Amino acid sequence: MICVIPEQALNTYRVGEHHASSLAYNVAETIGELQIWTYPETEAKSKNYEADRIREIDNLVQAAMMRLTRHATGSCTVIV
């Protein structure tokens, strides 16, 4: 699987190749390393708790994919 992510510089992208068979495991492992997951202080949950968790999970997966792509073996920067 090829992943392309934007870099900070304008028109610059990072391209990395990932093995589909291990990608889910690597994403989950990377999310654990991010250490930004939060748990509610009390058992009371907000009305949109589940929707907020889904958005957080989406953001975590995106952050993990970006980190994995930046550190992928053979990844490269492309300027267009």
C-alpha atoms as a PDB file:
ATOM      1  CA  MET A   1       0.000   0.000   0.000  1.00  0.00           C
ATOM      2  CA  ILE A   2       1.347   3.420  -0.950  1.00  0.00           C
ATOM      3  CA  CYS A   3       0.591   6.354   1.369  1.00  0.00           C
ATOM      4  CA  VAL A   4       1.067  10.001   0.431  1.00  0.00           C
ATOM      5  CA  ILE A   5       0.955  12.657   3.157  1.00  0.00           C
ATOM      6  CA  PRO A   6       1.383  16.431   2.925  1.00  0.00           C
ATOM      7  CA  GLU A   7       4.471  17.979   4.468  1.00  0.00           C
ATOM      8  CA  GLN A   8       4.714  21.491   5.884  1.00  0.00           C
ATOM      9  CA  ALA A   9       6.365  23.024   2.824  1.00  0.00           C
ATOM     10  CA  LEU A  10       3.985  24.022   0.033  1.00  0.00           C
ATOM     11  CA  ASN A  11       3.568  21.389  -2.717  1.00  0.00           C
ATOM     12  CA  THR A  12       5.721  18.907  -0.783  1.00  0.00           C
ATOM     13  CA  TYR A  13       4.574  15.395   0.063  1.00  0.00           C
ATOM     14  CA  ARG A  14       6.032  12.329   1.753  1.00  0.00           C
ATOM     15  CA  VAL A  15       5.535   8.980   0.037  1.00  0.00           C
ATOM     16  CA  GLY A  16       5.922   5.709   1.882  1.00  0.00           C
ATOM     17  CA  GLU A  17       5.084   2.075   1.212  1.00  0.00           C
ATOM     18  CA  HIS A  18       3.389  -0.096   3.840  1.00  0.00           C
ATOM     19  CA  HIS A  19       2.658  -3.811   3.911  1.00  0.00           C
ATOM     20  CA  ALA A  20      -1.120  -4.221   4.137  1.00  0.00           C
ATOM     21  CA  SER A  21      -0.795  -7.408   6.207  1.00  0.00           C
ATOM     22  CA  SER A  22       0.865  -5.588   9.114  1.00  0.00           C
ATOM     23  CA  LEU A  23      -0.547  -2.076   8.728  1.00  0.00           C
ATOM     24  CA  ALA A  24      -3.377  -2.385  11.285  1.00  0.00           C
ATOM     25  CA  TYR A  25      -0.985  -3.737  13.914  1.00  0.00           C
ATOM     26  CA  ASN A  26       1.564  -0.998  13.212  1.00  0.00           C
ATOM     27  CA  VAL A  27      -1.108   1.726  13.401  1.00  0.00           C
ATOM     28  CA  ALA A  28      -2.401   0.388  16.738  1.00  0.00           C
ATOM     29  CA  GLU A  29       1.136   0.151  18.118  1.00  0.00           C
ATOM     30  CA  THR A  30       1.933   3.707  16.976  1.00  0.00           C
ATOM     31  CA  ILE A  31      -1.271   5.070  18.545  1.00  0.00           C
ATOM     32  CA  GLY A  32      -0.136   3.558  21.836  1.00  0.00           C
ATOM     33  CA  GLU A  33       3.159   5.408  21.506  1.00  0.00           C
ATOM     34  CA  LEU A  34       1.454   8.766  20.808  1.00  0.00           C
ATOM     35  CA  GLN A  35       0.243   8.960  24.437  1.00  0.00           C
ATOM     36  CA  ILE A  36      -2.508  11.466  23.662  1.00  0.00           C
ATOM     37  CA  TRP A  37      -5.544   9.288  24.390  1.00  0.00           C
ATOM     38  CA  THR A  38      -7.672  10.672  27.225  1.00  0.00           C
ATOM     39  CA  TYR A  39     -10.273   9.025  29.439  1.00  0.00           C
ATOM     40  CA  PRO A  40     -13.157  10.796  31.161  1.00  0.00           C
ATOM     41  CA  GLU A  41     -12.574  11.686  34.815  1.00  0.00           C
ATOM     42  CA  THR A  42     -16.047  10.535  35.855  1.00  0.00           C
ATOM     43  CA  GLU A  43     -18.510   7.890  34.751  1.00  0.00           C
ATOM     44  CA  ALA A  44     -20.878  10.611  33.477  1.00  0.00           C
ATOM     45  CA  LYS A  45     -20.431  11.024  29.758  1.00  0.00           C
ATOM     46  CA  SER A  46     -21.380  13.898  27.518  1.00  0.00           C
ATOM     47  CA  LYS A  47     -24.315  13.560  25.138  1.00  0.00           C
ATOM     48  CA  ASN A  48     -22.012  13.172  22.123  1.00  0.00           C
ATOM     49  CA  TYR A  49     -19.439  10.951  23.874  1.00  0.00           C
ATOM     50  CA  GLU A  50     -19.460   8.180  21.245  1.00  0.00           C
ATOM     51  CA  ALA A  51     -19.279  10.618  18.311  1.00  0.00           C
ATOM     52  CA  ASP A  52     -16.389  12.437  20.001  1.00  0.00           C
ATOM     53  CA  ARG A  53     -14.555   9.124  20.546  1.00  0.00           C
ATOM     54  CA  ILE A  54     -14.999   8.204  16.860  1.00  0.00           C
ATOM     55  CA  ARG A  55     -13.542  11.572  15.799  1.00  0.00           C
ATOM     56  CA  GLU A  56     -10.632  11.072  18.209  1.00  0.00           C
ATOM     57  CA  ILE A  57      -9.977   7.593  16.832  1.00  0.00           C
ATOM     58  CA  ASP A  58     -10.013   8.978  13.276  1.00  0.00           C
ATOM     59  CA  ASN A  59      -7.503  11.663  14.281  1.00  0.00           C
ATOM     60  CA  LEU A  60      -5.308   9.100  16.031  1.00  0.00           C
ATOM     61  CA  VAL A  61      -5.284   6.797  12.997  1.00  0.00           C
ATOM     62  CA  GLN A  62      -4.363   9.734  10.758  1.00  0.00           C
ATOM     63  CA  ALA A  63      -1.553  10.788  13.117  1.00  0.00           C
ATOM     64  CA  ALA A  64      -0.250   7.214  13.267  1.00  0.00           C
ATOM     65  CA  MET A  65      -0.331   6.857   9.467  1.00  0.00           C
ATOM     66  CA  MET A  66       1.573  10.125   9.097  1.00  0.00           C
ATOM     67  CA  ARG A  67       4.234   8.994  11.562  1.00  0.00           C
ATOM     68  CA  LEU A  68       4.535   5.558   9.955  1.00  0.00           C
ATOM     69  CA  THR A  69       4.846   7.087   6.481  1.00  0.00           C
ATOM     70  CA  ARG A  70       7.512   9.562   7.582  1.00  0.00           C
ATOM     71  CA  HIS A  71       9.562   6.707   9.074  1.00  0.00           C
ATOM     72  CA  ALA A  72       8.841   4.063   6.431  1.00  0.00           C
ATOM     73  CA  THR A  73      11.861   2.338   4.945  1.00  0.00           C
ATOM     74  CA  GLY A  74      12.525   3.856   1.565  1.00  0.00           C
ATOM     75  CA  SER A  75      10.083   6.734   2.038  1.00  0.00           C
ATOM     76  CA  CYS A  76      10.897   9.854   0.101  1.00  0.00           C
ATOM     77  CA  THR A  77       9.897  13.496  -0.212  1.00  0.00           C
ATOM     78  CA  VAL A  78       8.308  14.615  -3.461  1.00  0.00           C
ATOM     79  CA  ILE A  79       7.986  18.246  -4.555  1.00  0.00           C
ATOM     80  CA  VAL A  80       5.374  18.985  -7.206  1.00  0.00           C
END
